[in-house]
C-alpha cells in the first residue's frame, strides 16, 4: 500500500480538526506555495490555526491541510511551511524510494553500496561512482512514479558507467526502452 493511501485512510476515520471546535482563526492566505505535486497529482495546500499544541499535516482528497498552533499566527511561517513540506516529501520518499530501489536491485542484479535521501541543489539524483552510492532528492516525489523509476534506473546505470557513453545509453534502453520520452518530461533538472 502506498504511503499516501495509508495517510488518507488514517485521516478518514476521524473528522477533520477544521470541522470541530478547535477551529479558530481560519485559513492563512499569505504563505506560498498554495499548491504542490505528489506523484504527478496536484494538491492544494491549506494552512489553518487551531487550538493544538504542535503542527499537524493531514492529506484529504487532493488537499494538504497544515494545522498550526494558535501561537504561530503572528509569526512569519513561510520558513516553517517550507520545512513541513520538505519533511513530508522526505517521509514519502523514504517509503516509496525503497520499493523502487528494491525493484531496480532485482532488475539490474546489483545495487549501490548505499543510498540516501537528502536535499540536492538543482538535481533530483546523483550517483557517486567512487563510493558506489546514490543520493536522491526528496523533491523527486513531486514527479510521477514512472519518472521516479526512470531517474533511479538512470543512476543505477551510472554505477556501471560513469559518463553518458554509448554503453550507458544501451544499458538504460535495455531496462527503460522509453527513456527518451520520459527524460523530456524533466528537462530542467540534472540527474
N, C-alpha and C. Protein backbone atom coordinates (compact mmCIF):
# COMPACT_ATOMS: atom_id res chain seq x y z
N UNK A 1 0.85 -1.18 0.00
CA UNK A 1 0.00 0.00 0.00
C UNK A 1 0.89 1.23 0.00
N UNK A 2 0.58 2.22 -0.84
CA UNK A 2 1.49 3.37 -0.84
C UNK A 2 1.20 4.29 0.33
N UNK A 3 2.17 5.10 0.67
CA UNK A 3 2.10 5.92 1.89
C UNK A 3 0.96 6.92 1.84
N UNK A 4 0.63 7.44 0.66
CA UNK A 4 -0.47 8.40 0.59
C UNK A 4 -1.79 7.74 0.94
N UNK A 5 -1.99 6.52 0.48
CA UNK A 5 -3.22 5.81 0.84
C UNK A 5 -3.27 5.55 2.34
N UNK A 6 -2.13 5.23 2.95
CA UNK A 6 -2.11 5.00 4.40
C UNK A 6 -2.45 6.26 5.15
N UNK A 7 -1.93 7.39 4.71
CA UNK A 7 -2.23 8.65 5.38
C UNK A 7 -3.70 8.98 5.22
N UNK A 8 -4.22 8.84 4.00
CA UNK A 8 -5.63 9.14 3.75
C UNK A 8 -6.53 8.24 4.59
N UNK A 9 -6.22 6.97 4.64
CA UNK A 9 -7.03 6.02 5.40
C UNK A 9 -7.06 6.39 6.87
N UNK A 10 -5.91 6.75 7.41
CA UNK A 10 -5.88 7.07 8.84
C UNK A 10 -6.64 8.35 9.13
N UNK A 11 -6.71 9.27 8.19
CA UNK A 11 -7.39 10.53 8.44
C UNK A 11 -8.89 10.46 8.19
N UNK A 12 -9.35 9.52 7.42
CA UNK A 12 -10.77 9.46 7.15
C UNK A 12 -11.53 8.83 8.32
N UNK A 13 -10.84 8.21 9.25
CA UNK A 13 -11.50 7.61 10.40
C UNK A 13 -11.96 8.67 11.41
N UNK A 14 -11.26 9.81 11.41
CA UNK A 14 -11.62 10.89 12.32
C UNK A 14 -12.11 12.06 11.50
N UNK A 15 -12.98 12.87 12.10
CA UNK A 15 -13.39 14.10 11.44
C UNK A 15 -12.22 15.06 11.48
N UNK A 16 -12.12 15.88 10.47
CA UNK A 16 -11.03 16.85 10.40
C UNK A 16 -11.12 17.84 11.56
N UNK A 17 -9.96 18.26 12.07
CA UNK A 17 -9.92 19.28 13.13
C UNK A 17 -10.59 20.56 12.68
N UNK A 18 -10.59 20.81 11.39
CA UNK A 18 -11.16 22.03 10.87
C UNK A 18 -12.67 22.06 11.08
N UNK A 19 -13.29 20.90 11.15
CA UNK A 19 -14.74 20.83 11.32
C UNK A 19 -15.17 20.90 12.78
N UNK A 20 -14.25 20.76 13.71
CA UNK A 20 -14.67 20.73 15.11
C UNK A 20 -14.41 22.04 15.83
N UNK A 21 -14.58 22.08 17.12
CA UNK A 21 -14.49 23.31 17.90
C UNK A 21 -13.07 23.83 18.04
N UNK A 22 -12.06 23.10 17.58
CA UNK A 22 -10.69 23.60 17.64
C UNK A 22 -10.43 24.71 16.62
N UNK A 23 -11.29 24.82 15.63
CA UNK A 23 -11.09 25.81 14.58
C UNK A 23 -11.28 27.21 15.14
N UNK A 24 -10.30 28.08 14.90
CA UNK A 24 -10.37 29.43 15.44
C UNK A 24 -10.27 30.50 14.37
N UNK A 25 -9.12 30.62 13.78
CA UNK A 25 -8.81 31.81 13.00
C UNK A 25 -9.13 31.70 11.53
N UNK A 26 -9.02 30.55 10.98
CA UNK A 26 -9.28 30.41 9.56
C UNK A 26 -8.02 30.15 8.77
N UNK A 27 -8.18 30.24 7.49
CA UNK A 27 -7.13 29.89 6.55
C UNK A 27 -6.13 31.03 6.41
N UNK A 28 -4.84 30.67 6.37
CA UNK A 28 -3.78 31.65 6.15
C UNK A 28 -3.53 31.73 4.65
N UNK A 29 -3.84 32.87 4.05
CA UNK A 29 -3.70 33.05 2.61
C UNK A 29 -2.37 33.68 2.23
N UNK A 30 -1.48 33.96 3.21
CA UNK A 30 -0.25 34.68 2.92
C UNK A 30 0.91 33.78 2.51
N UNK A 31 0.86 32.51 2.86
CA UNK A 31 2.00 31.62 2.63
C UNK A 31 1.96 30.98 1.25
N UNK A 32 3.14 30.71 0.71
CA UNK A 32 3.30 30.06 -0.59
C UNK A 32 4.17 28.83 -0.42
N UNK A 33 4.02 27.77 -1.16
CA UNK A 33 3.11 27.62 -2.29
C UNK A 33 1.69 27.32 -1.85
N UNK A 34 0.76 27.57 -2.72
CA UNK A 34 -0.64 27.24 -2.47
C UNK A 34 -0.97 25.85 -3.02
N UNK A 35 -0.07 25.34 -3.87
CA UNK A 35 -0.25 24.02 -4.47
C UNK A 35 1.08 23.30 -4.51
N UNK A 36 1.02 21.99 -4.49
CA UNK A 36 2.21 21.18 -4.70
C UNK A 36 1.79 19.94 -5.47
N UNK A 37 2.76 19.17 -5.87
CA UNK A 37 2.50 17.96 -6.63
C UNK A 37 3.15 16.78 -5.93
N UNK A 38 2.43 15.68 -5.84
CA UNK A 38 2.97 14.44 -5.30
C UNK A 38 2.60 13.34 -6.29
N UNK A 39 3.62 12.66 -6.78
CA UNK A 39 3.47 11.61 -7.81
C UNK A 39 2.70 12.11 -9.02
N UNK A 40 2.94 13.38 -9.37
CA UNK A 40 2.32 13.95 -10.55
C UNK A 40 0.89 14.43 -10.35
N UNK A 41 0.36 14.33 -9.14
CA UNK A 41 -1.01 14.76 -8.84
C UNK A 41 -0.95 16.06 -8.06
N UNK A 42 -1.74 17.06 -8.46
CA UNK A 42 -1.76 18.35 -7.79
C UNK A 42 -2.56 18.31 -6.49
N UNK A 43 -2.01 18.93 -5.47
CA UNK A 43 -2.66 19.06 -4.16
C UNK A 43 -2.67 20.53 -3.77
N UNK A 44 -3.81 21.01 -3.29
CA UNK A 44 -3.84 22.36 -2.75
C UNK A 44 -3.31 22.30 -1.32
N UNK A 45 -2.67 23.38 -0.90
CA UNK A 45 -2.13 23.47 0.45
C UNK A 45 -2.94 24.49 1.22
N UNK A 46 -3.50 24.07 2.34
CA UNK A 46 -4.28 24.95 3.20
C UNK A 46 -3.63 25.01 4.57
N UNK A 47 -3.46 26.22 5.11
CA UNK A 47 -2.87 26.39 6.43
C UNK A 47 -3.94 26.97 7.35
N UNK A 48 -4.15 26.29 8.49
CA UNK A 48 -5.14 26.71 9.47
C UNK A 48 -4.47 26.87 10.83
N UNK A 49 -5.00 27.78 11.63
CA UNK A 49 -4.54 27.96 13.01
C UNK A 49 -5.61 27.40 13.94
N UNK A 50 -5.21 26.46 14.80
CA UNK A 50 -6.14 25.75 15.67
C UNK A 50 -5.64 25.73 17.10
N UNK A 51 -6.52 25.33 17.99
CA UNK A 51 -6.15 25.12 19.40
C UNK A 51 -5.49 23.75 19.53
N UNK A 52 -4.24 23.68 19.10
CA UNK A 52 -3.46 22.45 19.19
C UNK A 52 -2.09 22.80 19.73
N UNK A 53 -1.33 21.80 20.17
CA UNK A 53 -0.02 22.09 20.78
C UNK A 53 1.15 22.00 19.79
N UNK A 54 1.01 21.25 18.70
CA UNK A 54 2.10 21.14 17.73
C UNK A 54 1.53 21.05 16.31
N UNK A 55 2.35 21.41 15.31
CA UNK A 55 1.87 21.38 13.93
C UNK A 55 1.43 19.97 13.51
N UNK A 56 0.42 19.93 12.63
CA UNK A 56 -0.10 18.66 12.09
C UNK A 56 -0.23 18.80 10.58
N UNK A 57 -0.11 17.69 9.90
CA UNK A 57 -0.31 17.65 8.46
C UNK A 57 -1.28 16.52 8.16
N UNK A 58 -2.32 16.83 7.41
CA UNK A 58 -3.32 15.83 7.03
C UNK A 58 -3.54 15.88 5.53
N UNK A 59 -3.55 14.73 4.89
CA UNK A 59 -3.87 14.64 3.47
C UNK A 59 -5.31 14.17 3.35
N UNK A 60 -6.12 14.96 2.66
CA UNK A 60 -7.52 14.61 2.45
C UNK A 60 -7.85 14.91 0.99
N UNK A 61 -8.26 13.90 0.26
CA UNK A 61 -8.56 14.02 -1.17
C UNK A 61 -7.39 14.70 -1.84
N UNK A 62 -7.57 15.82 -2.49
CA UNK A 62 -6.46 16.50 -3.15
C UNK A 62 -6.04 17.75 -2.40
N UNK A 63 -6.10 17.67 -1.06
CA UNK A 63 -5.71 18.79 -0.20
C UNK A 63 -4.69 18.34 0.83
N UNK A 64 -3.74 19.21 1.08
CA UNK A 64 -2.83 19.03 2.20
C UNK A 64 -3.20 20.11 3.19
N UNK A 65 -3.74 19.70 4.33
CA UNK A 65 -4.13 20.65 5.37
C UNK A 65 -3.05 20.66 6.44
N UNK A 66 -2.47 21.83 6.64
CA UNK A 66 -1.45 22.01 7.66
C UNK A 66 -2.09 22.83 8.77
N UNK A 67 -2.15 22.21 9.95
CA UNK A 67 -2.74 22.87 11.10
C UNK A 67 -1.61 23.33 12.02
N UNK A 68 -1.63 24.63 12.34
CA UNK A 68 -0.61 25.20 13.21
C UNK A 68 -1.23 25.67 14.51
N UNK A 69 -0.48 25.61 15.60
CA UNK A 69 -0.99 26.11 16.88
C UNK A 69 -1.29 27.61 16.80
N UNK A 70 -2.23 28.06 17.58
CA UNK A 70 -2.65 29.46 17.59
C UNK A 70 -1.49 30.43 17.80
N UNK A 71 -0.54 30.06 18.67
CA UNK A 71 0.55 30.99 18.96
C UNK A 71 1.49 31.20 17.77
N UNK A 72 1.32 30.47 16.68
CA UNK A 72 2.12 30.65 15.47
C UNK A 72 1.55 31.73 14.56
N UNK A 73 0.32 32.17 14.78
CA UNK A 73 -0.37 33.02 13.81
C UNK A 73 0.27 34.40 13.61
N UNK A 74 1.04 34.89 14.58
CA UNK A 74 1.66 36.20 14.44
C UNK A 74 3.06 36.11 13.83
N UNK A 75 3.56 34.91 13.67
CA UNK A 75 4.90 34.71 13.11
C UNK A 75 4.85 34.71 11.59
N UNK A 76 6.01 34.93 10.98
CA UNK A 76 6.14 34.70 9.55
C UNK A 76 6.42 33.21 9.41
N UNK A 77 5.45 32.45 8.95
CA UNK A 77 5.55 31.00 8.93
C UNK A 77 5.99 30.42 7.58
N UNK A 78 6.52 31.28 6.70
CA UNK A 78 6.94 30.79 5.39
C UNK A 78 8.05 29.74 5.53
N UNK A 79 9.04 30.01 6.36
CA UNK A 79 10.13 29.05 6.54
C UNK A 79 9.60 27.76 7.18
N UNK A 80 8.69 27.88 8.13
CA UNK A 80 8.09 26.69 8.76
C UNK A 80 7.33 25.87 7.72
N UNK A 81 6.59 26.52 6.84
CA UNK A 81 5.86 25.80 5.79
C UNK A 81 6.84 25.04 4.89
N UNK A 82 7.93 25.69 4.51
CA UNK A 82 8.93 25.03 3.67
C UNK A 82 9.52 23.81 4.37
N UNK A 83 9.78 23.91 5.67
CA UNK A 83 10.32 22.79 6.45
C UNK A 83 9.30 21.65 6.53
N UNK A 84 8.05 21.99 6.78
CA UNK A 84 7.00 20.97 6.88
C UNK A 84 6.86 20.23 5.55
N UNK A 85 6.83 20.96 4.44
CA UNK A 85 6.69 20.32 3.13
C UNK A 85 7.90 19.45 2.81
N UNK A 86 9.10 19.93 3.14
CA UNK A 86 10.30 19.13 2.90
C UNK A 86 10.26 17.84 3.72
N UNK A 87 9.82 17.92 4.97
CA UNK A 87 9.69 16.71 5.80
C UNK A 87 8.67 15.75 5.21
N UNK A 88 7.58 16.29 4.69
CA UNK A 88 6.55 15.45 4.06
C UNK A 88 7.13 14.74 2.84
N UNK A 89 7.81 15.50 1.96
CA UNK A 89 8.42 14.90 0.78
C UNK A 89 9.41 13.81 1.19
N UNK A 90 10.21 14.10 2.20
CA UNK A 90 11.22 13.13 2.64
C UNK A 90 10.57 11.86 3.18
N UNK A 91 9.52 12.00 3.97
CA UNK A 91 8.83 10.84 4.53
C UNK A 91 8.23 9.98 3.41
N UNK A 92 7.59 10.61 2.46
CA UNK A 92 7.02 9.88 1.32
C UNK A 92 8.13 9.20 0.53
N UNK A 93 9.22 9.94 0.28
CA UNK A 93 10.35 9.39 -0.48
C UNK A 93 10.97 8.20 0.23
N UNK A 94 11.13 8.27 1.54
CA UNK A 94 11.73 7.15 2.29
C UNK A 94 10.95 5.86 2.05
N UNK A 95 9.66 5.97 2.02
CA UNK A 95 8.82 4.80 1.83
C UNK A 95 8.82 4.34 0.38
N UNK A 96 8.56 5.26 -0.53
CA UNK A 96 8.39 4.90 -1.94
C UNK A 96 9.70 4.54 -2.63
N UNK A 97 10.76 5.26 -2.32
CA UNK A 97 12.04 5.01 -2.98
C UNK A 97 12.56 3.62 -2.64
N UNK A 98 12.35 3.17 -1.43
CA UNK A 98 12.80 1.83 -1.05
C UNK A 98 12.18 0.78 -1.97
N UNK A 99 10.91 0.93 -2.29
CA UNK A 99 10.25 -0.02 -3.20
C UNK A 99 10.87 0.01 -4.59
N UNK A 100 11.15 1.20 -5.10
CA UNK A 100 11.74 1.32 -6.44
C UNK A 100 13.18 0.82 -6.43
N UNK A 101 13.92 1.11 -5.36
CA UNK A 101 15.30 0.62 -5.25
C UNK A 101 15.32 -0.92 -5.23
N UNK A 102 14.38 -1.50 -4.54
CA UNK A 102 14.30 -2.96 -4.49
C UNK A 102 14.00 -3.53 -5.88
N UNK A 103 13.09 -2.89 -6.59
CA UNK A 103 12.78 -3.33 -7.96
C UNK A 103 14.03 -3.23 -8.83
N UNK A 104 14.75 -2.11 -8.72
CA UNK A 104 15.96 -1.91 -9.52
C UNK A 104 17.02 -2.96 -9.18
N UNK A 105 17.15 -3.30 -7.89
CA UNK A 105 18.12 -4.33 -7.49
C UNK A 105 17.83 -5.65 -8.21
N UNK A 106 16.55 -6.00 -8.29
CA UNK A 106 16.16 -7.25 -8.95
C UNK A 106 16.36 -7.17 -10.47
N UNK A 107 16.00 -6.05 -11.04
CA UNK A 107 16.11 -5.88 -12.49
C UNK A 107 17.57 -5.89 -12.94
N UNK A 108 18.41 -5.13 -12.24
CA UNK A 108 19.81 -4.99 -12.65
C UNK A 108 20.70 -6.13 -12.14
N UNK A 109 20.33 -6.72 -11.03
CA UNK A 109 21.16 -7.77 -10.45
C UNK A 109 22.32 -7.25 -9.63
N UNK A 110 22.32 -5.97 -9.35
CA UNK A 110 23.32 -5.37 -8.46
C UNK A 110 22.69 -4.15 -7.80
N UNK A 111 23.39 -3.58 -6.82
CA UNK A 111 22.85 -2.45 -6.08
C UNK A 111 23.98 -1.53 -5.63
N UNK A 112 23.65 -0.30 -5.30
CA UNK A 112 24.68 0.58 -4.76
C UNK A 112 25.07 0.12 -3.35
N UNK A 113 26.24 0.53 -2.91
CA UNK A 113 26.66 0.23 -1.54
C UNK A 113 25.72 0.91 -0.55
N UNK A 114 25.24 2.07 -0.94
CA UNK A 114 24.38 2.86 -0.06
C UNK A 114 23.55 3.81 -0.91
N UNK A 115 22.42 4.22 -0.38
CA UNK A 115 21.69 5.32 -0.98
C UNK A 115 21.09 6.14 0.15
N UNK A 116 20.91 7.42 -0.10
CA UNK A 116 20.30 8.27 0.92
C UNK A 116 19.40 9.30 0.25
N UNK A 117 18.47 9.77 1.02
CA UNK A 117 17.54 10.79 0.55
C UNK A 117 17.90 12.08 1.26
N UNK A 118 18.33 13.06 0.48
CA UNK A 118 18.67 14.36 1.06
C UNK A 118 18.56 15.43 -0.02
N UNK A 119 18.37 16.64 0.42
CA UNK A 119 18.20 17.77 -0.48
C UNK A 119 19.49 17.97 -1.28
N UNK A 120 19.33 18.09 -2.60
CA UNK A 120 20.46 18.32 -3.51
C UNK A 120 20.11 19.57 -4.33
N UNK A 121 20.96 20.57 -4.32
CA UNK A 121 20.65 21.77 -5.12
C UNK A 121 20.60 21.46 -6.62
N UNK A 122 19.53 21.86 -7.26
CA UNK A 122 19.37 21.76 -8.73
C UNK A 122 19.51 20.36 -9.29
N UNK A 123 19.20 19.36 -8.52
CA UNK A 123 19.31 17.99 -9.00
C UNK A 123 18.28 17.11 -8.31
N UNK A 124 17.83 16.09 -9.02
CA UNK A 124 16.88 15.14 -8.44
C UNK A 124 17.57 13.89 -7.92
N UNK A 125 18.75 13.59 -8.47
CA UNK A 125 19.50 12.42 -8.01
C UNK A 125 20.95 12.56 -8.47
N UNK A 126 21.81 11.83 -7.79
CA UNK A 126 23.22 11.88 -8.10
C UNK A 126 23.85 10.55 -7.73
N UNK A 127 24.73 10.04 -8.60
CA UNK A 127 25.44 8.80 -8.33
C UNK A 127 26.91 9.13 -8.08
N UNK A 128 27.40 8.74 -6.93
CA UNK A 128 28.82 8.87 -6.63
C UNK A 128 29.46 7.53 -6.98
N UNK A 129 30.07 7.47 -8.15
CA UNK A 129 30.60 6.20 -8.63
C UNK A 129 31.79 5.72 -7.79
N UNK A 130 32.55 6.66 -7.21
CA UNK A 130 33.69 6.26 -6.38
C UNK A 130 33.22 5.54 -5.12
N UNK A 131 32.15 6.04 -4.51
CA UNK A 131 31.62 5.41 -3.29
C UNK A 131 30.54 4.38 -3.59
N UNK A 132 30.16 4.27 -4.86
CA UNK A 132 29.08 3.36 -5.25
C UNK A 132 27.80 3.64 -4.45
N UNK A 133 27.45 4.93 -4.38
CA UNK A 133 26.25 5.32 -3.65
C UNK A 133 25.40 6.27 -4.50
N UNK A 134 24.13 6.31 -4.19
CA UNK A 134 23.18 7.16 -4.90
C UNK A 134 22.53 8.09 -3.88
N UNK A 135 22.45 9.37 -4.24
CA UNK A 135 21.76 10.37 -3.42
C UNK A 135 20.53 10.80 -4.19
N UNK A 136 19.40 10.82 -3.50
CA UNK A 136 18.12 11.14 -4.14
C UNK A 136 17.48 12.30 -3.39
N UNK A 137 17.04 13.30 -4.13
CA UNK A 137 16.37 14.45 -3.55
C UNK A 137 14.96 14.07 -3.12
N UNK A 138 14.52 14.54 -1.95
CA UNK A 138 13.13 14.26 -1.55
C UNK A 138 12.10 14.89 -2.49
N UNK A 139 12.52 15.92 -3.24
CA UNK A 139 11.61 16.57 -4.18
C UNK A 139 11.27 15.67 -5.37
N UNK A 140 11.95 14.56 -5.49
CA UNK A 140 11.68 13.63 -6.59
C UNK A 140 10.23 13.13 -6.52
N UNK A 141 9.63 13.10 -5.32
CA UNK A 141 8.26 12.60 -5.19
C UNK A 141 7.22 13.53 -5.81
N UNK A 142 7.65 14.68 -6.28
CA UNK A 142 6.73 15.57 -6.98
C UNK A 142 6.41 15.03 -8.38
N UNK A 143 7.22 14.13 -8.87
CA UNK A 143 7.06 13.59 -10.21
C UNK A 143 6.31 12.26 -10.18
N UNK A 144 5.84 11.85 -11.33
CA UNK A 144 5.11 10.58 -11.42
C UNK A 144 6.04 9.43 -11.05
N UNK A 145 5.44 8.31 -10.69
CA UNK A 145 6.24 7.14 -10.32
C UNK A 145 7.06 6.65 -11.52
N UNK A 146 6.53 6.81 -12.71
CA UNK A 146 7.27 6.42 -13.91
C UNK A 146 8.56 7.23 -14.03
N UNK A 147 8.48 8.53 -13.79
CA UNK A 147 9.67 9.39 -13.87
C UNK A 147 10.64 9.05 -12.74
N UNK A 148 10.12 8.83 -11.54
CA UNK A 148 10.98 8.47 -10.41
C UNK A 148 11.74 7.19 -10.71
N UNK A 149 11.04 6.19 -11.21
CA UNK A 149 11.68 4.93 -11.54
C UNK A 149 12.74 5.12 -12.62
N UNK A 150 12.43 5.93 -13.62
CA UNK A 150 13.41 6.21 -14.67
C UNK A 150 14.67 6.83 -14.08
N UNK A 151 14.53 7.82 -13.23
CA UNK A 151 15.69 8.51 -12.64
C UNK A 151 16.53 7.53 -11.82
N UNK A 152 15.89 6.68 -11.05
CA UNK A 152 16.64 5.70 -10.26
C UNK A 152 17.34 4.69 -11.17
N UNK A 153 16.68 4.24 -12.21
CA UNK A 153 17.32 3.33 -13.16
C UNK A 153 18.50 4.03 -13.83
N UNK A 154 18.34 5.31 -14.15
CA UNK A 154 19.41 6.11 -14.74
C UNK A 154 20.63 6.09 -13.82
N UNK A 155 20.40 6.31 -12.52
CA UNK A 155 21.51 6.32 -11.55
C UNK A 155 22.12 4.94 -11.39
N UNK A 156 21.32 3.90 -11.47
CA UNK A 156 21.86 2.53 -11.42
C UNK A 156 22.82 2.31 -12.60
N UNK A 157 22.47 2.82 -13.77
CA UNK A 157 23.35 2.69 -14.93
C UNK A 157 24.68 3.41 -14.68
N UNK A 158 24.64 4.50 -13.92
CA UNK A 158 25.89 5.20 -13.58
C UNK A 158 26.78 4.38 -12.65
N UNK A 159 26.22 3.43 -11.95
CA UNK A 159 27.06 2.56 -11.12
C UNK A 159 28.00 1.74 -12.01
N UNK A 160 27.61 1.47 -13.24
CA UNK A 160 28.44 0.72 -14.19
C UNK A 160 29.23 1.65 -15.11
N UNK A 161 28.60 2.75 -15.53
CA UNK A 161 29.22 3.67 -16.47
C UNK A 161 29.17 5.09 -15.91
N UNK A 162 30.35 5.66 -15.68
CA UNK A 162 30.44 6.99 -15.07
C UNK A 162 29.81 8.08 -15.93
N UNK A 163 30.04 8.02 -17.22
CA UNK A 163 29.57 9.07 -18.12
C UNK A 163 28.40 8.58 -18.97
N UNK A 164 27.82 9.52 -19.68
CA UNK A 164 26.72 9.20 -20.58
C UNK A 164 27.27 8.70 -21.91
N UNK A 165 27.92 7.59 -21.85
CA UNK A 165 28.53 7.00 -23.03
C UNK A 165 27.50 6.19 -23.82
N UNK A 166 27.93 5.69 -24.96
CA UNK A 166 27.06 4.84 -25.78
C UNK A 166 26.64 3.60 -25.00
N UNK A 167 27.57 2.99 -24.27
CA UNK A 167 27.27 1.79 -23.46
C UNK A 167 26.27 2.12 -22.36
N UNK A 168 26.41 3.32 -21.76
CA UNK A 168 25.47 3.76 -20.72
C UNK A 168 24.05 3.77 -21.29
N UNK A 169 23.88 4.42 -22.44
CA UNK A 169 22.54 4.53 -23.03
C UNK A 169 22.02 3.19 -23.54
N UNK A 170 22.89 2.33 -23.96
CA UNK A 170 22.45 0.99 -24.35
C UNK A 170 21.90 0.24 -23.14
N UNK A 171 22.59 0.35 -22.01
CA UNK A 171 22.12 -0.29 -20.79
C UNK A 171 20.79 0.31 -20.33
N UNK A 172 20.71 1.64 -20.34
CA UNK A 172 19.48 2.32 -19.93
C UNK A 172 18.31 1.90 -20.83
N UNK A 173 18.55 1.85 -22.12
CA UNK A 173 17.49 1.46 -23.06
C UNK A 173 17.04 0.02 -22.84
N UNK A 174 17.97 -0.83 -22.43
CA UNK A 174 17.62 -2.23 -22.15
C UNK A 174 16.59 -2.32 -21.02
N UNK A 175 16.73 -1.48 -20.01
CA UNK A 175 15.83 -1.53 -18.85
C UNK A 175 14.70 -0.51 -18.90
N UNK A 176 14.90 0.56 -19.66
CA UNK A 176 13.86 1.59 -19.83
C UNK A 176 13.79 1.96 -21.31
N UNK A 177 13.13 1.14 -22.13
CA UNK A 177 13.10 1.39 -23.58
C UNK A 177 12.55 2.76 -23.97
N UNK A 178 11.69 3.34 -23.15
CA UNK A 178 11.09 4.64 -23.45
C UNK A 178 11.79 5.79 -22.71
N UNK A 179 13.05 5.62 -22.34
CA UNK A 179 13.75 6.62 -21.54
C UNK A 179 13.82 7.98 -22.22
N UNK A 180 13.91 8.04 -23.54
CA UNK A 180 14.00 9.32 -24.24
C UNK A 180 12.72 10.14 -24.06
N UNK A 181 11.59 9.48 -24.10
CA UNK A 181 10.30 10.15 -23.92
C UNK A 181 10.17 10.66 -22.48
N UNK A 182 10.54 9.82 -21.52
CA UNK A 182 10.43 10.19 -20.11
C UNK A 182 11.38 11.34 -19.78
N UNK A 183 12.60 11.28 -20.28
CA UNK A 183 13.59 12.33 -19.96
C UNK A 183 13.15 13.71 -20.44
N UNK A 184 12.34 13.76 -21.49
CA UNK A 184 11.86 15.06 -21.99
C UNK A 184 10.84 15.71 -21.05
N UNK A 185 10.29 14.92 -20.13
CA UNK A 185 9.31 15.46 -19.17
C UNK A 185 9.97 16.18 -18.02
N UNK A 186 11.29 16.07 -17.89
CA UNK A 186 12.02 16.73 -16.79
C UNK A 186 13.29 17.42 -17.33
N UNK A 187 13.12 18.33 -18.28
CA UNK A 187 14.30 18.90 -18.96
C UNK A 187 15.14 19.84 -18.10
N UNK A 188 14.60 20.42 -17.06
CA UNK A 188 15.33 21.45 -16.31
C UNK A 188 16.10 20.95 -15.11
N UNK A 189 16.11 19.64 -14.89
CA UNK A 189 16.82 19.10 -13.73
C UNK A 189 17.93 18.17 -14.15
N UNK A 190 18.97 18.17 -13.33
CA UNK A 190 20.07 17.23 -13.54
C UNK A 190 19.77 15.97 -12.75
N UNK A 191 20.25 14.86 -13.25
CA UNK A 191 20.17 13.57 -12.57
C UNK A 191 21.17 12.66 -13.20
